[in-house]
Structure formats: C-alpha cells, structure tokens
Amino acid sequence: MTISDNKFITQPSDKTPYFIPKVDTPVGTASPTNESEKIPKLFTPLTIKTTKFANRVGVSPMCTYSAAHEGENVGKITPFHIAHYGSFALRGPGLIIIEASAVSPEGRLSPEDLGIWTDEQALELKKVVDLAHSQGVKIGIQLGHGGRKSSGTAMYNHLMKGVGEKEFGWSDIPGKIVGPSAISFSKDAYVVPTELTTEQVEEIVEKFGKAAKRAYDISGFDFVEIHGAHGYLISSFLSATSNQRSDKYGGSFENRIRILLDIIDVVKDDKHPLFVRVSGSENAPHIPEAWTVEDTVKLSDFLIQHGVDVLDVSSGGNNANAERRKATQGYQVPLAKAVKDHVGEKLFVATVGKIEEAEFANKVVEDGEADFVLNGKLFLKNPGLTWKWADDLGVKLAHAKQYEWPFYPPPF
C-alpha cells in the first residue's frame, strides 16, 4: 500500500505552497441525493471555453479599500485579502470576482485600491488564486480604471469625495484625473478631468492588455472581467452625457463604445472566459442621451462579435443626477433579462442586485433571465451564502473537508 492509497493519511493539495487538505470534488459541486432528483439549475455546472464553474452563484467584485496607499506595497494584497476571499472560496461559490484592480496607479478608484500594473502586484495576487484553486473554485479579477472618479476617498470614509496629495490621492495634481471629456461627475465632489488625447486612450487600452497578461501568466486567474460600469473610465466613454469627443472615441454610438471593444481585443484569448461588466442603464430617463437598456442590448451584439463570453449587468453610477431607485429584490434582473432575451445562447449573462432568496435566484436562472446570479452584500454578511442557498433548495454540495465532516461525518 502506498501513502496515497492509505485513507487515513490526509493528502495535501498541490495548489498551495503550504499544507491544506486536497479536495476530491470542487467545493460547491452539487450531487443528487437519489437518482430521480433533479438538481435546481442554480446549482448545475456551466462550462465556458476550458473553464468549468461548479454552480451559477458568484461573488460580485466589491472594493474593500484595504491596500497600502504609500510605500513599496501600494496596490498589493495583504493577509486581509487572503482571509476575505478565502472565506468565500472555502464555502463553494461557482465563481469569485476579485475587486476592481487598477491597470495604472492613477487609475485607482481610491488610494487604498488594489492594482495589477506591476508584476510584483500580480505575484502577490497569486496567493489568493492558489487558495481558491485548492478548493477547486474558479476565480477572476476585475480590471479597471477610475477615470474622472479616480482618487476618491475610500467609501467607508465618504461615498463621494475626491482627495488630493495630503490624503495620499492625486486629484490636485494637474493632468492626473482624466476622462473622455472635461466634464466632472460632480463638481461638489470631484475635479474636472483632463480630456484624454487619442494617443493617451490607446495607451490605456494597452495597459488593460498588459494587466490581463499578468493576471493569467503570473497570478493564474481563471478569467478577467473588464469594468465598464458605474461611471468609471470605460462607462464614461459609453455615455453621450459624459463623452463629447470629436475623435474616433466620441460622437456616434460605434465611436463611444470603441474603447471598450479595443480593450476587449487586447484582453481576450482562446482559453480564458472573458467577462464585461456594464451599467445596463444610467437610470436617468429624464436626461437626454443618457445610456439606456436599449443601448446595452445594442452593445451586446458588438460584444458577441468581439468574443466576450459573459455580460455582467449592473446599473447606474455615471450621472450624479440619476434617479434614486428603491432596491427591491431582483430590481436589476429586468436589465439582464432584456439582454438575455436578445442574445439567447450567443452570450452568457450575469445579474446582480439584492437577490436575497434561493428560490428567487434559482427562478431567475430556470426562467432564462440570466445564467449567473452574483451577490455582494449578502456574501459580506454570510460568506457561506452558497451553502445556505443550497440548503434552502434541498441541495447537497461538496464542501471543504475541514468544514464538511461535522455535518456529514465519516463512519466510526
């Protein structure tokens, strides 16, 4: 008998440089309790390119504002991030999306944001990736640039306030805050951005490509998500309310979406799924030329042509005068549904926004309104949300060995 055949010896994972028990089945994988049982679609696997997601429940990218804002560790993960993302990975979501990580220093949303503009930052991120992979969980990273909303104070300090050098920011440094046009998101909170030249836009596109290469080649992420939502750089290019350029990146619909398509073209490959997050609507029907769900549906055709696999549909964030909408359960699902009804099987769609109940989440997927259900705040409150939803639907999942045995004990 070899060591590997001895069931009383705990086998180590080969995904981490430290000891952690090897999982036999990816955490979050559902198994029927009897042959006739149908697994709810929310807990069925989904394969995109070479990546198999164990279920359709995902952790949304959520900024934690917990990276150093000065010194040699600017933009790098800390033990906090490993504990934070590890708490999700150990409990089996189908996917985790790491918070918005800047492709350049001045592209950080806040001084405390993560970055992936250096190889050293990417190598540190590998620690989170390795932990997720030790559980068989798929993990990606959201690549972003804050544009005219860069250099904001961390949202646990204030929800909307740009900061300067004395707060480790850069909003008071001429030329550091940039956008498609010299239009501030809110003059009470942010400075007027410097309009990017055509050449500068092209340089930012290249930075996204380099960041994606680091994410794959150094960190080992399973996928990347391009952040094109919530009024940050790409989002502000999409909307005619914030993009009044006259070059190839402004004017017509096709020109305004060009930066996103250019970024997609330098990020995509044949192996890794490519996600794009957009605001499905600017939530500003009273403002002429604001981005609408019809625009998102139109955009989806271009995304398919350029090789996007998943469209992650959120809303808002690009206009300070947008409507404030009551966040009822699934309030953003209609935006995802509008896209899904249009694209059918040609594009996977993710939905997000106050989806609190397992039955509701499963119905969204069963009814074909979306392919993935992402959640943010509920995962913060309960990292075991996937497990809870599985229990609510009567589904048995594979769990991390350290957590599974008290609930499903081995024989005496």
Protein backbone atom coordinates (compact mmCIF):
# COMPACT_ATOMS: atom_id res chain seq x y z
CA MET A 1 0.00 0.00 0.00
CA THR A 2 1.33 3.43 -0.95
CA ILE A 3 0.82 6.56 1.09
CA SER A 4 -1.66 7.84 -1.49
CA ASP A 5 -3.75 4.66 -1.06
CA ASN A 6 -3.96 4.99 2.71
CA LYS A 7 -7.30 6.64 3.50
CA PHE A 8 -6.11 7.54 6.97
CA ILE A 9 -3.42 9.84 5.64
CA THR A 10 -4.61 13.30 4.65
CA GLN A 11 -3.40 14.12 1.17
CA PRO A 12 -2.09 17.67 0.65
CA SER A 13 -3.31 19.95 -2.10
CA ASP A 14 -0.81 20.56 -4.89
CA LYS A 15 -2.19 24.07 -5.46
CA THR A 16 -0.58 25.83 -2.50
CA PRO A 17 2.97 26.04 -1.12
CA TYR A 18 1.61 25.26 2.36
CA PHE A 19 -0.37 22.32 3.70
CA ILE A 20 -4.09 22.28 3.11
CA PRO A 21 -6.17 19.12 2.60
CA LYS A 22 -6.73 18.15 -1.00
CA VAL A 23 -10.35 18.26 -2.16
CA ASP A 24 -11.60 15.34 -4.21
CA THR A 25 -14.50 17.26 -5.75
CA PRO A 26 -14.56 21.03 -6.34
CA VAL A 27 -16.22 22.77 -3.42
CA GLY A 28 -19.72 23.90 -4.41
CA THR A 29 -20.42 20.90 -6.67
CA ALA A 30 -23.97 19.61 -6.24
CA SER A 31 -24.86 15.95 -6.07
CA PRO A 32 -28.36 14.44 -6.12
CA THR A 33 -29.41 12.56 -3.01
CA ASN A 34 -31.19 10.00 -5.20
CA GLU A 35 -31.24 9.03 -8.87
CA SER A 36 -34.59 10.67 -9.59
CA GLU A 37 -33.73 14.02 -8.02
CA LYS A 38 -33.36 16.99 -10.34
CA ILE A 39 -30.73 19.49 -9.26
CA PRO A 40 -32.00 23.10 -9.39
CA LYS A 41 -30.42 24.91 -12.33
CA LEU A 42 -28.75 27.42 -9.97
CA PHE A 43 -26.55 24.56 -8.79
CA THR A 44 -25.80 22.96 -12.14
CA PRO A 45 -22.33 23.41 -13.64
CA LEU A 46 -21.56 25.64 -16.60
CA THR A 47 -18.53 25.33 -18.85
CA ILE A 48 -17.18 28.30 -20.81
CA LYS A 49 -14.21 27.60 -23.06
CA THR A 50 -11.93 25.45 -20.89
CA THR A 51 -13.33 26.62 -17.55
CA LYS A 52 -15.99 24.68 -15.66
CA PHE A 53 -17.92 26.58 -12.99
CA ALA A 54 -19.37 24.24 -10.37
CA ASN A 55 -22.55 26.28 -9.96
CA ARG A 56 -24.14 29.58 -11.06
CA VAL A 57 -23.70 31.52 -7.80
CA GLY A 58 -20.95 34.14 -7.80
CA VAL A 59 -19.30 36.69 -5.53
CA SER A 60 -19.50 40.16 -7.05
CA PRO A 61 -16.41 42.35 -7.20
CA MET A 62 -16.53 44.60 -4.12
CA CYS A 63 -13.88 47.17 -3.29
CA THR A 64 -12.54 46.73 0.24
CA TYR A 65 -10.11 49.70 0.21
CA SER A 66 -7.53 47.72 2.13
CA ALA A 67 -4.26 48.04 0.20
CA ALA A 68 -1.40 50.30 1.27
CA HIS A 69 -1.63 53.86 -0.05
CA GLU A 70 2.10 54.58 0.24
CA GLY A 71 5.41 52.77 0.21
CA GLU A 72 6.56 49.69 -1.65
CA ASN A 73 3.31 47.79 -1.06
CA VAL A 74 0.97 50.22 -2.82
CA GLY A 75 -1.80 48.30 -4.55
CA LYS A 76 -0.71 44.91 -3.20
CA ILE A 77 -2.90 42.43 -1.39
CA THR A 78 -2.41 41.86 2.32
CA PRO A 79 -3.31 38.99 4.68
CA PHE A 80 -6.70 40.67 4.97
CA HIS A 81 -7.45 39.99 1.30
CA ILE A 82 -6.41 36.35 1.63
CA ALA A 83 -8.71 35.90 4.63
CA HIS A 84 -11.52 37.85 2.94
CA TYR A 85 -11.54 35.99 -0.37
CA GLY A 86 -10.55 32.71 1.26
CA SER A 87 -13.68 32.84 3.41
CA PHE A 88 -15.75 32.73 0.23
CA ALA A 89 -13.62 30.14 -1.58
CA LEU A 90 -13.85 27.66 1.30
CA ARG A 91 -17.64 27.68 1.03
CA GLY A 92 -18.11 26.97 -2.65
CA PRO A 93 -19.44 29.72 -4.87
CA GLY A 94 -19.23 28.90 -8.55
CA LEU A 95 -17.02 31.91 -9.08
CA ILE A 96 -15.36 34.77 -7.25
CA ILE A 97 -14.50 38.09 -8.89
CA ILE A 98 -11.71 40.00 -7.15
CA GLU A 99 -12.48 43.67 -6.60
CA ALA A 100 -11.64 46.37 -9.16
CA SER A 101 -7.87 46.35 -9.61
CA ALA A 102 -6.28 49.29 -11.36
CA VAL A 103 -4.28 48.94 -14.56
CA SER A 104 -2.25 52.04 -13.63
CA PRO A 105 -1.52 53.96 -10.40
CA GLU A 106 -3.66 56.96 -11.37
CA GLY A 107 -6.49 54.61 -12.38
CA ARG A 108 -7.18 53.51 -8.81
CA LEU A 109 -10.64 54.38 -7.57
CA SER A 110 -9.10 55.26 -4.20
CA PRO A 111 -5.58 55.42 -2.76
CA GLU A 112 -6.31 52.12 -0.99
CA ASP A 113 -7.37 50.18 -4.08
CA LEU A 114 -5.69 47.06 -5.41
CA GLY A 115 -3.55 47.28 -8.52
CA ILE A 116 -2.15 44.99 -11.16
CA TRP A 117 0.11 47.38 -13.03
CA THR A 118 3.26 45.59 -11.83
CA ASP A 119 4.47 42.00 -11.89
CA GLU A 120 5.04 42.19 -8.13
CA GLN A 121 1.37 43.00 -7.50
CA ALA A 122 0.33 40.13 -9.75
CA LEU A 123 2.60 37.71 -7.90
CA GLU A 124 1.03 38.65 -4.57
CA LEU A 125 -2.44 38.10 -6.05
CA LYS A 126 -1.39 34.54 -6.83
CA LYS A 127 -1.72 33.77 -3.11
CA VAL A 128 -5.47 34.35 -3.31
CA VAL A 129 -5.74 32.43 -6.57
CA ASP A 130 -3.86 29.44 -5.14
CA LEU A 131 -6.17 29.27 -2.12
CA ALA A 132 -9.27 29.33 -4.33
CA HIS A 133 -7.80 26.70 -6.64
CA SER A 134 -7.00 24.45 -3.67
CA GLN A 135 -10.78 24.21 -3.25
CA GLY A 136 -11.49 23.83 -6.96
CA VAL A 137 -13.19 27.24 -7.04
CA LYS A 138 -12.84 29.44 -10.12
CA ILE A 139 -11.61 32.96 -9.52
CA GLY A 140 -11.25 36.02 -11.73
CA ILE A 141 -10.21 39.62 -11.35
CA GLN A 142 -11.94 42.83 -12.39
CA LEU A 143 -9.63 45.15 -14.33
CA GLY A 144 -10.46 48.82 -14.09
CA HIS A 145 -9.57 52.47 -14.45
CA GLY A 146 -11.47 55.04 -12.42
CA GLY A 147 -11.31 57.83 -14.98
CA ARG A 148 -12.96 61.01 -13.72
CA LYS A 149 -13.94 59.22 -10.48
CA SER A 150 -10.37 58.18 -9.63
CA SER A 151 -8.68 59.28 -6.40
CA GLY A 152 -11.84 59.16 -4.32
CA THR A 153 -11.62 58.59 -0.61
CA ALA A 154 -12.45 55.05 0.50
CA MET A 155 -16.21 54.67 0.66
CA TYR A 156 -16.10 53.77 4.32
CA ASN A 157 -14.99 57.41 4.81
CA HIS A 158 -17.39 59.12 2.39
CA LEU A 159 -19.48 57.84 -0.50
CA MET A 160 -18.42 60.52 -2.97
CA LYS A 161 -15.36 62.68 -2.35
CA GLY A 162 -12.19 63.15 -4.36
CA VAL A 163 -8.96 63.51 -2.37
CA GLY A 164 -5.58 65.09 -3.01
CA GLU A 165 -1.97 64.59 -2.06
CA LYS A 166 -2.40 65.20 1.66
CA GLU A 167 -4.80 62.22 1.73
CA PHE A 168 -2.45 60.16 -0.47
CA GLY A 169 -4.59 60.94 -3.51
CA TRP A 170 -3.81 62.79 -6.75
CA SER A 171 -6.90 64.81 -7.63
CA ASP A 172 -5.00 68.05 -7.06
CA ILE A 173 -2.14 67.08 -9.39
CA PRO A 174 -2.77 68.62 -12.84
CA GLY A 175 -3.48 66.06 -15.54
CA LYS A 176 -3.78 63.05 -13.22
CA ILE A 177 -7.57 62.83 -13.26
CA VAL A 178 -8.67 62.03 -16.80
CA GLY A 179 -11.80 61.30 -18.75
CA PRO A 180 -13.28 61.25 -22.23
CA SER A 181 -14.18 64.93 -21.90
CA ALA A 182 -13.61 67.76 -19.44
CA ILE A 183 -16.88 67.06 -17.61
CA SER A 184 -16.89 66.40 -13.88
CA PHE A 185 -19.06 63.67 -12.41
CA SER A 186 -19.98 66.11 -9.64
CA LYS A 187 -18.32 69.49 -9.18
CA ASP A 188 -19.12 69.30 -5.47
CA ALA A 189 -17.17 66.07 -5.08
CA TYR A 190 -14.66 65.69 -7.92
CA VAL A 191 -12.39 67.86 -10.01
CA VAL A 192 -12.94 68.48 -13.71
CA PRO A 193 -10.96 65.77 -15.53
CA THR A 194 -8.41 66.41 -18.23
CA GLU A 195 -9.64 65.21 -21.61
CA LEU A 196 -7.53 62.32 -22.82
CA THR A 197 -5.80 62.62 -26.16
CA THR A 198 -6.36 59.89 -28.72
CA GLU A 199 -2.84 58.61 -28.05
CA GLN A 200 -3.47 58.52 -24.29
CA VAL A 201 -6.63 56.48 -24.81
CA GLU A 202 -4.64 53.99 -26.87
CA GLU A 203 -2.02 53.80 -24.11
CA ILE A 204 -4.71 52.95 -21.55
CA VAL A 205 -6.01 50.23 -23.86
CA GLU A 206 -2.51 48.74 -23.90
CA LYS A 207 -2.37 48.87 -20.10
CA PHE A 208 -5.50 46.74 -19.89
CA GLY A 209 -3.87 44.21 -22.18
CA LYS A 210 -0.71 44.07 -20.08
CA ALA A 211 -2.74 43.75 -16.87
CA ALA A 212 -4.69 40.82 -18.31
CA LYS A 213 -1.46 39.09 -19.30
CA ARG A 214 -0.16 39.46 -15.73
CA ALA A 215 -3.46 38.14 -14.39
CA TYR A 216 -3.11 34.98 -16.45
CA ASP A 217 0.63 34.38 -16.67
CA ILE A 218 1.68 35.43 -13.16
CA SER A 219 -1.40 35.31 -10.91
CA GLY A 220 -3.06 32.33 -12.58
CA PHE A 221 -6.61 33.72 -12.67
CA ASP A 222 -9.25 31.70 -14.48
CA PHE A 223 -10.84 34.73 -16.13
CA VAL A 224 -10.85 38.51 -16.13
CA GLU A 225 -13.70 40.98 -16.07
CA ILE A 226 -13.40 44.37 -17.76
CA HIS A 227 -15.02 47.05 -15.61
CA GLY A 228 -17.21 49.08 -17.93
CA ALA A 229 -19.82 50.17 -15.38
CA HIS A 230 -20.65 52.70 -12.67
CA GLY A 231 -19.26 55.86 -14.25
CA TYR A 232 -15.62 54.86 -14.25
CA LEU A 233 -13.45 55.40 -17.30
CA ILE A 234 -14.97 52.97 -19.80
CA SER A 235 -18.51 53.68 -18.62
CA SER A 236 -17.99 57.42 -19.06
CA PHE A 237 -16.87 56.83 -22.65
CA LEU A 238 -20.02 54.84 -23.44
CA SER A 239 -22.46 57.57 -22.45
CA ALA A 240 -23.01 60.69 -24.54
CA THR A 241 -23.69 62.60 -21.31
CA SER A 242 -20.01 62.34 -20.37
CA ASN A 243 -18.37 61.77 -23.76
CA GLN A 244 -18.40 64.79 -26.06
CA ARG A 245 -15.28 63.97 -28.04
CA SER A 246 -14.88 64.53 -31.76
CA ASP A 247 -12.21 61.89 -32.49
CA LYS A 248 -12.65 58.17 -33.15
CA TYR A 249 -13.58 57.60 -29.50
CA GLY A 250 -16.53 60.01 -29.43
CA GLY A 251 -19.66 61.07 -31.25
CA SER A 252 -21.55 58.11 -32.69
CA PHE A 253 -22.59 55.05 -30.70
CA GLU A 254 -19.97 53.00 -32.52
CA ASN A 255 -17.24 55.50 -31.65
CA ARG A 256 -18.25 55.78 -27.99
CA ILE A 257 -18.05 52.01 -27.50
CA ARG A 258 -14.74 51.79 -29.37
CA ILE A 259 -12.53 51.99 -26.26
CA LEU A 260 -14.35 49.01 -24.75
CA LEU A 261 -14.04 46.98 -27.95
CA ASP A 262 -10.37 47.89 -28.29
CA ILE A 263 -9.76 46.74 -24.71
CA ILE A 264 -11.65 43.51 -25.35
CA ASP A 265 -9.48 42.83 -28.38
CA VAL A 266 -6.22 43.13 -26.41
CA VAL A 267 -7.51 41.19 -23.38
CA LYS A 268 -9.29 38.20 -24.94
CA ASP A 269 -7.70 34.86 -25.74
CA ASP A 270 -8.87 31.40 -26.78
CA LYS A 271 -8.54 29.81 -23.35
CA HIS A 272 -9.99 32.06 -20.67
CA PRO A 273 -13.61 33.23 -20.36
CA LEU A 274 -13.94 36.99 -20.78
CA PHE A 275 -16.44 38.91 -18.65
CA VAL A 276 -17.51 42.52 -19.18
CA ARG A 277 -19.47 44.49 -16.59
CA VAL A 278 -21.64 47.39 -17.74
CA SER A 279 -24.33 49.55 -16.26
CA GLY A 280 -27.38 48.25 -18.07
CA SER A 281 -28.98 51.65 -17.65
CA GLU A 282 -27.79 55.01 -16.40
CA ASN A 283 -31.12 55.26 -14.53
CA ALA A 284 -31.60 58.74 -15.97
CA PRO A 285 -34.57 58.73 -18.38
CA HIS A 286 -35.03 62.46 -17.73
CA ILE A 287 -31.56 63.25 -19.10
CA PRO A 288 -31.23 63.34 -22.90
CA GLU A 289 -28.60 60.98 -24.35
CA ALA A 290 -28.19 59.05 -21.08
CA TRP A 291 -27.25 55.38 -21.51
CA THR A 292 -30.30 53.10 -21.59
CA VAL A 293 -31.08 49.40 -21.52
CA GLU A 294 -31.73 49.64 -25.26
CA ASP A 295 -28.12 50.81 -25.65
CA THR A 296 -26.93 47.82 -23.64
CA VAL A 297 -28.91 45.44 -25.82
CA LYS A 298 -27.38 47.09 -28.89
CA LEU A 299 -23.92 46.84 -27.32
CA SER A 300 -24.38 43.11 -26.69
CA ASP A 301 -24.23 42.40 -30.43
CA PHE A 302 -20.82 44.06 -30.66
CA LEU A 303 -19.59 42.18 -27.59
CA ILE A 304 -20.54 38.88 -29.21
CA GLN A 305 -18.70 39.85 -32.39
CA HIS A 306 -15.57 40.68 -30.39
CA GLY A 307 -15.52 37.44 -28.39
CA VAL A 308 -16.98 38.34 -24.99
CA ASP A 309 -18.34 35.33 -23.11
CA VAL A 310 -20.25 36.85 -20.19
CA LEU A 311 -22.01 40.22 -19.86
CA ASP A 312 -22.36 41.19 -16.20
CA VAL A 313 -25.25 43.66 -15.98
CA SER A 314 -25.41 46.21 -13.15
CA SER A 315 -26.74 49.79 -13.37
CA GLY A 316 -26.15 53.45 -12.61
CA GLY A 317 -23.09 55.33 -11.45
CA ASN A 318 -22.40 57.63 -14.38
CA ASN A 319 -24.64 60.56 -13.55
CA ALA A 320 -24.91 62.33 -10.20
CA ASN A 321 -28.46 63.39 -11.11
CA ALA A 322 -29.72 59.90 -11.88
CA GLU A 323 -32.91 58.64 -10.30
CA ARG A 324 -32.58 57.03 -6.89
CA ARG A 325 -34.38 53.73 -7.19
CA LYS A 326 -35.63 51.57 -4.36
CA ALA A 327 -33.57 48.39 -4.19
CA THR A 328 -36.24 45.70 -4.04
CA GLN A 329 -35.33 42.05 -4.55
CA GLY A 330 -34.07 41.49 -8.07
CA TYR A 331 -34.59 45.11 -9.09
CA GLN A 332 -31.86 44.87 -11.73
CA VAL A 333 -32.89 41.49 -13.14
CA PRO A 334 -35.07 43.11 -15.87
CA LEU A 335 -31.92 44.68 -17.33
CA ALA A 336 -30.22 41.30 -17.58
CA LYS A 337 -33.39 39.73 -18.95
CA ALA A 338 -33.61 42.33 -21.72
CA VAL A 339 -30.13 41.36 -22.85
CA LYS A 340 -30.70 37.61 -22.46
CA ASP A 341 -33.94 37.76 -24.43
CA HIS A 342 -32.00 39.39 -27.26
CA VAL A 343 -28.81 37.31 -27.30
CA GLY A 344 -30.19 33.88 -26.43
CA GLU A 345 -27.38 31.32 -26.25
CA LYS A 346 -24.84 33.54 -28.02
CA LEU A 347 -23.80 35.28 -24.80
CA PHE A 348 -23.94 34.32 -21.13
CA VAL A 349 -25.46 36.95 -18.84
CA ALA A 350 -24.92 37.63 -15.14
CA THR A 351 -27.30 39.58 -12.95
CA VAL A 352 -26.70 41.32 -9.64
CA GLY A 353 -28.52 43.45 -7.08
CA LYS A 354 -30.33 42.49 -3.88
CA ILE A 355 -31.11 38.90 -4.75
CA GLU A 356 -31.69 37.55 -1.27
CA GLU A 357 -33.65 34.31 -1.54
CA ALA A 358 -32.57 31.00 -3.00
CA GLU A 359 -35.90 30.31 -4.70
CA PHE A 360 -35.84 33.71 -6.37
CA ALA A 361 -32.24 33.25 -7.52
CA ASN A 362 -32.99 29.81 -8.91
CA LYS A 363 -36.10 31.07 -10.72
CA VAL A 364 -34.02 33.75 -12.46
CA VAL A 365 -31.77 31.04 -13.88
CA GLU A 366 -34.53 28.49 -14.53
CA ASP A 367 -36.57 31.10 -16.43
CA GLY A 368 -33.62 32.03 -18.60
CA GLU A 369 -33.38 35.62 -17.37
CA ALA A 370 -29.68 35.18 -16.55
CA ASP A 371 -27.05 32.45 -16.46
CA PHE A 372 -25.24 33.56 -13.29
CA VAL A 373 -26.54 35.21 -10.12
CA LEU A 374 -23.92 37.39 -8.43
CA ASN A 375 -24.19 38.73 -4.92
CA GLY A 376 -22.19 41.21 -2.90
CA LYS A 377 -23.51 42.40 0.44
CA LEU A 378 -25.06 39.07 1.39
CA PHE A 379 -21.67 37.39 0.98
CA LEU A 380 -20.17 40.01 3.29
CA LYS A 381 -22.81 39.18 5.87
CA ASN A 382 -22.61 35.43 5.30
CA PRO A 383 -19.60 34.02 3.40
CA GLY A 384 -21.48 30.72 3.37
CA LEU A 385 -24.34 32.12 1.29
CA THR A 386 -23.88 29.44 -1.39
CA TRP A 387 -24.21 26.75 1.26
CA LYS A 388 -27.30 28.42 2.74
CA TRP A 389 -28.99 28.70 -0.63
CA ALA A 390 -28.19 25.05 -1.32
CA ASP A 391 -29.78 24.07 2.00
CA ASP A 392 -32.83 26.20 1.20
CA LEU A 393 -33.26 24.35 -2.10
CA GLY A 394 -32.53 20.92 -0.63
CA VAL A 395 -29.24 20.52 -2.47
CA LYS A 396 -26.20 18.72 -1.08
CA LEU A 397 -22.90 20.35 -2.01
CA ALA A 398 -19.31 19.23 -1.78
CA HIS A 399 -17.59 21.25 0.95
CA ALA A 400 -14.10 21.91 2.20
CA LYS A 401 -13.06 18.85 4.19
CA GLN A 402 -12.38 20.90 7.31
CA TYR A 403 -15.99 22.15 7.30
CA GLU A 404 -17.86 19.20 5.83
CA TRP A 405 -17.21 16.39 8.29
CA PRO A 406 -19.23 17.79 11.26
CA PHE A 407 -22.31 17.90 9.01
CA TYR A 408 -21.65 14.70 7.05
CA PRO A 409 -19.42 12.67 9.41
CA PRO A 410 -17.41 9.68 8.23
CA PRO A 411 -18.11 6.25 9.76
CA PHE A 412 -16.82 5.29 13.19
